[in-house]
Each structure stands twice: as structure tokens, then as C-alpha cells.
């Protein structure tokens, strides 16, 4: 019987680093473009990401993307700051 924890069974967050920005899997096909405690909204503005219990549907609509769109937005914003 193994005595060590098999870490392959542990859930791991999926994160892509795009320059200084992170694209993070938030579950259920929703991805966020993150810089510290802020996330990129659909208007290209950074907004504070509230605690999970305080996030509204409007927040999700503004700040969550399909994976490929989130990566593209992160690449676009990275190019804009370099």
C-alpha cells in the first residue's frame, strides 16, 4: 500500500502566463485575464475581482471568457503595454 500521497489526483488550477498577465481557469469553461487582484473586463478595463460570494452574474458576463478569447485578450493587452 502506498504511503505517499499521489499528487496526480490533486486538482490543479490551470494558468497561462502571458507576459505579466495570467489567464486562469475559473471552472465551467470560464476563464479570467488577471493582474494581481484585478481582472480584465470586456471593455478592456481592469476591475477589482470581488470575493466569490459577492460576484454577480453581471460581473461574470463582463469578466469571464472562453479560453481562446481570454488568451487572445491577454496577448493583446500585453502588446499594448510593451
N, C-alpha and C. Protein backbone atom coordinates (compact mmCIF):
# COMPACT_ATOMS: atom_id res chain seq x y z
N UNK A 1 0.85 -1.18 0.00
CA UNK A 1 0.00 0.00 0.00
C UNK A 1 0.89 1.24 0.00
N UNK A 2 0.65 2.23 -0.91
CA UNK A 2 1.49 3.42 -0.96
C UNK A 2 1.34 4.25 0.31
N UNK A 3 2.43 4.82 0.73
CA UNK A 3 2.40 5.68 1.92
C UNK A 3 2.45 7.16 1.56
N UNK A 4 2.79 7.47 0.30
CA UNK A 4 2.85 8.86 -0.13
C UNK A 4 1.56 9.23 -0.86
N UNK A 5 1.18 10.48 -0.73
CA UNK A 5 0.01 10.99 -1.43
C UNK A 5 0.31 11.08 -2.92
N UNK A 6 -0.55 10.53 -3.72
CA UNK A 6 -0.39 10.59 -5.18
C UNK A 6 -0.89 11.96 -5.64
N UNK A 7 0.06 12.89 -5.90
CA UNK A 7 -0.37 14.24 -6.23
C UNK A 7 -0.99 14.35 -7.62
N UNK A 8 -0.95 13.30 -8.42
CA UNK A 8 -1.61 13.35 -9.71
C UNK A 8 -3.14 13.38 -9.54
N UNK A 9 -3.62 13.02 -8.38
CA UNK A 9 -5.06 13.03 -8.12
C UNK A 9 -5.55 14.37 -7.58
N UNK A 10 -4.62 15.26 -7.25
CA UNK A 10 -4.99 16.55 -6.68
C UNK A 10 -5.38 17.52 -7.79
N UNK A 11 -6.48 18.26 -7.63
CA UNK A 11 -6.85 19.24 -8.64
C UNK A 11 -5.80 20.35 -8.68
N UNK A 12 -5.50 20.79 -9.86
CA UNK A 12 -4.53 21.87 -10.04
C UNK A 12 -5.18 22.96 -10.88
N UNK A 13 -4.99 24.21 -10.48
CA UNK A 13 -5.52 25.28 -11.32
C UNK A 13 -4.78 25.34 -12.64
N UNK A 14 -5.48 25.67 -13.69
CA UNK A 14 -4.85 25.81 -14.99
C UNK A 14 -4.59 27.29 -15.20
N UNK A 15 -3.32 27.61 -15.47
CA UNK A 15 -2.92 29.00 -15.62
C UNK A 15 -1.98 29.13 -16.81
N UNK A 16 -2.21 30.15 -17.61
CA UNK A 16 -1.29 30.50 -18.68
C UNK A 16 -0.70 31.86 -18.32
N UNK A 17 0.61 31.98 -18.39
CA UNK A 17 1.28 33.25 -18.14
C UNK A 17 1.50 33.92 -19.48
N UNK A 18 0.98 35.13 -19.64
CA UNK A 18 1.16 35.90 -20.86
C UNK A 18 1.82 37.21 -20.46
N UNK A 19 3.15 37.25 -20.55
CA UNK A 19 3.87 38.42 -20.05
C UNK A 19 3.62 38.57 -18.57
N UNK A 20 3.16 39.74 -18.15
CA UNK A 20 2.88 39.96 -16.73
C UNK A 20 1.47 39.53 -16.32
N UNK A 21 0.68 39.11 -17.29
CA UNK A 21 -0.72 38.77 -17.02
C UNK A 21 -0.91 37.26 -16.95
N UNK A 22 -1.96 36.87 -16.24
CA UNK A 22 -2.28 35.44 -16.11
C UNK A 22 -3.67 35.19 -16.67
N UNK A 23 -3.81 34.07 -17.35
CA UNK A 23 -5.11 33.60 -17.81
C UNK A 23 -5.43 32.39 -16.95
N UNK A 24 -6.49 32.49 -16.16
CA UNK A 24 -6.80 31.46 -15.17
C UNK A 24 -8.14 30.79 -15.45
N UNK A 25 -8.14 29.48 -15.33
CA UNK A 25 -9.36 28.68 -15.47
C UNK A 25 -10.19 28.88 -14.20
N UNK A 26 -11.40 29.37 -14.36
CA UNK A 26 -12.29 29.58 -13.22
C UNK A 26 -13.42 28.57 -13.17
N UNK A 27 -13.29 27.52 -13.97
CA UNK A 27 -14.28 26.44 -13.95
C UNK A 27 -15.43 26.66 -14.91
N UNK A 28 -16.05 25.57 -15.28
CA UNK A 28 -17.24 25.58 -16.16
C UNK A 28 -16.99 26.32 -17.46
N UNK A 29 -15.75 26.22 -17.99
CA UNK A 29 -15.43 26.87 -19.26
C UNK A 29 -15.23 28.36 -19.18
N UNK A 30 -15.16 28.90 -17.97
CA UNK A 30 -14.98 30.34 -17.76
C UNK A 30 -13.52 30.63 -17.42
N UNK A 31 -12.94 31.58 -18.13
CA UNK A 31 -11.54 31.96 -17.95
C UNK A 31 -11.46 33.44 -17.64
N UNK A 32 -10.47 33.82 -16.84
CA UNK A 32 -10.27 35.21 -16.46
C UNK A 32 -8.87 35.65 -16.85
N UNK A 33 -8.75 36.91 -17.28
CA UNK A 33 -7.45 37.54 -17.50
C UNK A 33 -7.17 38.36 -16.24
N UNK A 34 -6.07 38.03 -15.56
CA UNK A 34 -5.84 38.54 -14.21
C UNK A 34 -4.51 39.28 -14.12
N UNK A 35 -4.53 40.36 -13.35
CA UNK A 35 -3.31 41.09 -12.97
C UNK A 35 -3.46 41.42 -11.49
N UNK A 36 -2.84 40.61 -10.64
CA UNK A 36 -3.00 40.79 -9.19
C UNK A 36 -4.42 40.48 -8.78
N UNK A 37 -5.08 41.43 -8.13
CA UNK A 37 -6.46 41.24 -7.67
C UNK A 37 -7.48 41.81 -8.64
N UNK A 38 -7.02 42.17 -9.83
CA UNK A 38 -7.91 42.75 -10.83
C UNK A 38 -8.06 41.81 -12.01
N UNK A 39 -9.20 41.93 -12.67
CA UNK A 39 -9.41 41.13 -13.88
C UNK A 39 -9.86 42.06 -15.00
N UNK A 40 -9.56 41.65 -16.22
CA UNK A 40 -9.87 42.43 -17.40
C UNK A 40 -11.32 42.21 -17.79
N UNK A 41 -12.06 43.31 -17.96
CA UNK A 41 -13.45 43.17 -18.38
C UNK A 41 -13.55 43.32 -19.90
N UNK A 42 -14.72 43.14 -20.44
CA UNK A 42 -14.93 43.15 -21.89
C UNK A 42 -14.75 44.53 -22.51
N UNK A 43 -14.71 45.57 -21.69
CA UNK A 43 -14.43 46.92 -22.19
C UNK A 43 -12.94 47.21 -22.22
N UNK A 44 -12.11 46.22 -21.83
CA UNK A 44 -10.66 46.41 -21.81
C UNK A 44 -10.18 47.17 -20.59
N UNK A 45 -11.02 47.23 -19.56
CA UNK A 45 -10.67 47.92 -18.32
C UNK A 45 -10.42 46.90 -17.22
N UNK A 46 -9.57 47.26 -16.28
CA UNK A 46 -9.30 46.40 -15.13
C UNK A 46 -10.30 46.71 -14.04
N UNK A 47 -10.84 45.69 -13.42
CA UNK A 47 -11.72 45.90 -12.28
C UNK A 47 -11.39 44.92 -11.18
N UNK A 48 -11.64 45.37 -9.97
CA UNK A 48 -11.38 44.54 -8.80
C UNK A 48 -12.24 43.30 -8.86
N UNK A 49 -11.65 42.15 -8.56
CA UNK A 49 -12.42 40.90 -8.55
C UNK A 49 -12.91 40.65 -7.12
N UNK A 50 -14.21 40.77 -6.90
CA UNK A 50 -14.73 40.58 -5.54
C UNK A 50 -14.61 39.13 -5.06
N UNK A 51 -14.82 38.95 -3.79
CA UNK A 51 -14.85 37.60 -3.23
C UNK A 51 -15.92 36.78 -3.95
N UNK A 52 -15.74 35.46 -4.03
CA UNK A 52 -16.70 34.63 -4.77
C UNK A 52 -18.16 34.85 -4.36
N UNK A 53 -18.41 35.03 -3.08
CA UNK A 53 -19.80 35.19 -2.63
C UNK A 53 -20.39 36.54 -3.05
N UNK A 54 -19.55 37.47 -3.50
CA UNK A 54 -20.03 38.79 -3.90
C UNK A 54 -20.06 38.98 -5.42
N UNK A 55 -19.71 37.96 -6.17
CA UNK A 55 -19.70 38.08 -7.63
C UNK A 55 -21.10 37.91 -8.18
N UNK A 56 -21.50 38.85 -9.00
CA UNK A 56 -22.84 38.83 -9.59
C UNK A 56 -22.79 38.26 -11.01
N UNK A 57 -23.93 37.96 -11.56
CA UNK A 57 -23.99 37.50 -12.94
C UNK A 57 -23.45 38.58 -13.87
N UNK A 58 -23.72 39.83 -13.57
CA UNK A 58 -23.19 40.93 -14.39
C UNK A 58 -21.67 40.92 -14.39
N UNK A 59 -21.07 40.64 -13.22
CA UNK A 59 -19.61 40.55 -13.14
C UNK A 59 -19.11 39.42 -14.03
N UNK A 60 -19.74 38.24 -13.93
CA UNK A 60 -19.32 37.10 -14.76
C UNK A 60 -19.46 37.44 -16.24
N UNK A 61 -20.54 38.10 -16.62
CA UNK A 61 -20.75 38.46 -18.02
C UNK A 61 -19.65 39.41 -18.51
N UNK A 62 -19.19 40.31 -17.65
CA UNK A 62 -18.14 41.27 -18.02
C UNK A 62 -16.74 40.68 -18.02
N UNK A 63 -16.46 39.76 -17.11
CA UNK A 63 -15.07 39.38 -16.81
C UNK A 63 -14.71 37.92 -17.03
N UNK A 64 -15.55 37.16 -17.67
CA UNK A 64 -15.23 35.76 -17.97
C UNK A 64 -15.32 35.54 -19.47
N UNK A 65 -14.42 34.69 -19.96
CA UNK A 65 -14.28 34.45 -21.39
C UNK A 65 -14.12 32.96 -21.67
N UNK A 66 -14.38 32.55 -22.90
CA UNK A 66 -13.92 31.23 -23.33
C UNK A 66 -12.38 31.25 -23.35
N UNK A 67 -11.76 30.10 -23.22
CA UNK A 67 -10.30 30.01 -23.09
C UNK A 67 -9.55 30.75 -24.19
N UNK A 68 -9.85 30.48 -25.44
CA UNK A 68 -9.10 31.09 -26.54
C UNK A 68 -9.26 32.60 -26.57
N UNK A 69 -10.44 33.09 -26.24
CA UNK A 69 -10.64 34.54 -26.20
C UNK A 69 -9.86 35.16 -25.06
N UNK A 70 -9.82 34.50 -23.91
CA UNK A 70 -9.06 35.03 -22.77
C UNK A 70 -7.57 35.10 -23.10
N UNK A 71 -7.04 34.07 -23.73
CA UNK A 71 -5.62 34.09 -24.10
C UNK A 71 -5.36 35.21 -25.11
N UNK A 72 -6.24 35.37 -26.09
CA UNK A 72 -6.06 36.44 -27.08
C UNK A 72 -6.12 37.81 -26.42
N UNK A 73 -7.05 38.01 -25.51
CA UNK A 73 -7.15 39.31 -24.81
C UNK A 73 -5.89 39.58 -23.98
N UNK A 74 -5.37 38.55 -23.34
CA UNK A 74 -4.14 38.72 -22.57
C UNK A 74 -2.98 39.08 -23.49
N UNK A 75 -2.89 38.44 -24.63
CA UNK A 75 -1.83 38.76 -25.59
C UNK A 75 -1.98 40.19 -26.10
N UNK A 76 -3.20 40.60 -26.38
CA UNK A 76 -3.45 41.96 -26.87
C UNK A 76 -3.06 43.01 -25.82
N UNK A 77 -3.46 42.79 -24.58
CA UNK A 77 -3.16 43.76 -23.53
C UNK A 77 -1.66 43.77 -23.24
N UNK A 78 -1.00 42.61 -23.34
CA UNK A 78 0.45 42.55 -23.14
C UNK A 78 1.17 43.36 -24.22
N UNK A 79 0.73 43.23 -25.47
CA UNK A 79 1.33 44.02 -26.56
C UNK A 79 1.13 45.50 -26.36
N UNK A 80 -0.02 45.88 -25.81
CA UNK A 80 -0.33 47.30 -25.61
C UNK A 80 0.55 47.93 -24.54
N UNK A 81 1.04 47.15 -23.59
CA UNK A 81 1.86 47.72 -22.51
C UNK A 81 3.35 47.59 -22.77
N UNK A 82 3.74 46.92 -23.87
CA UNK A 82 5.18 46.79 -24.15
C UNK A 82 5.60 47.70 -25.27
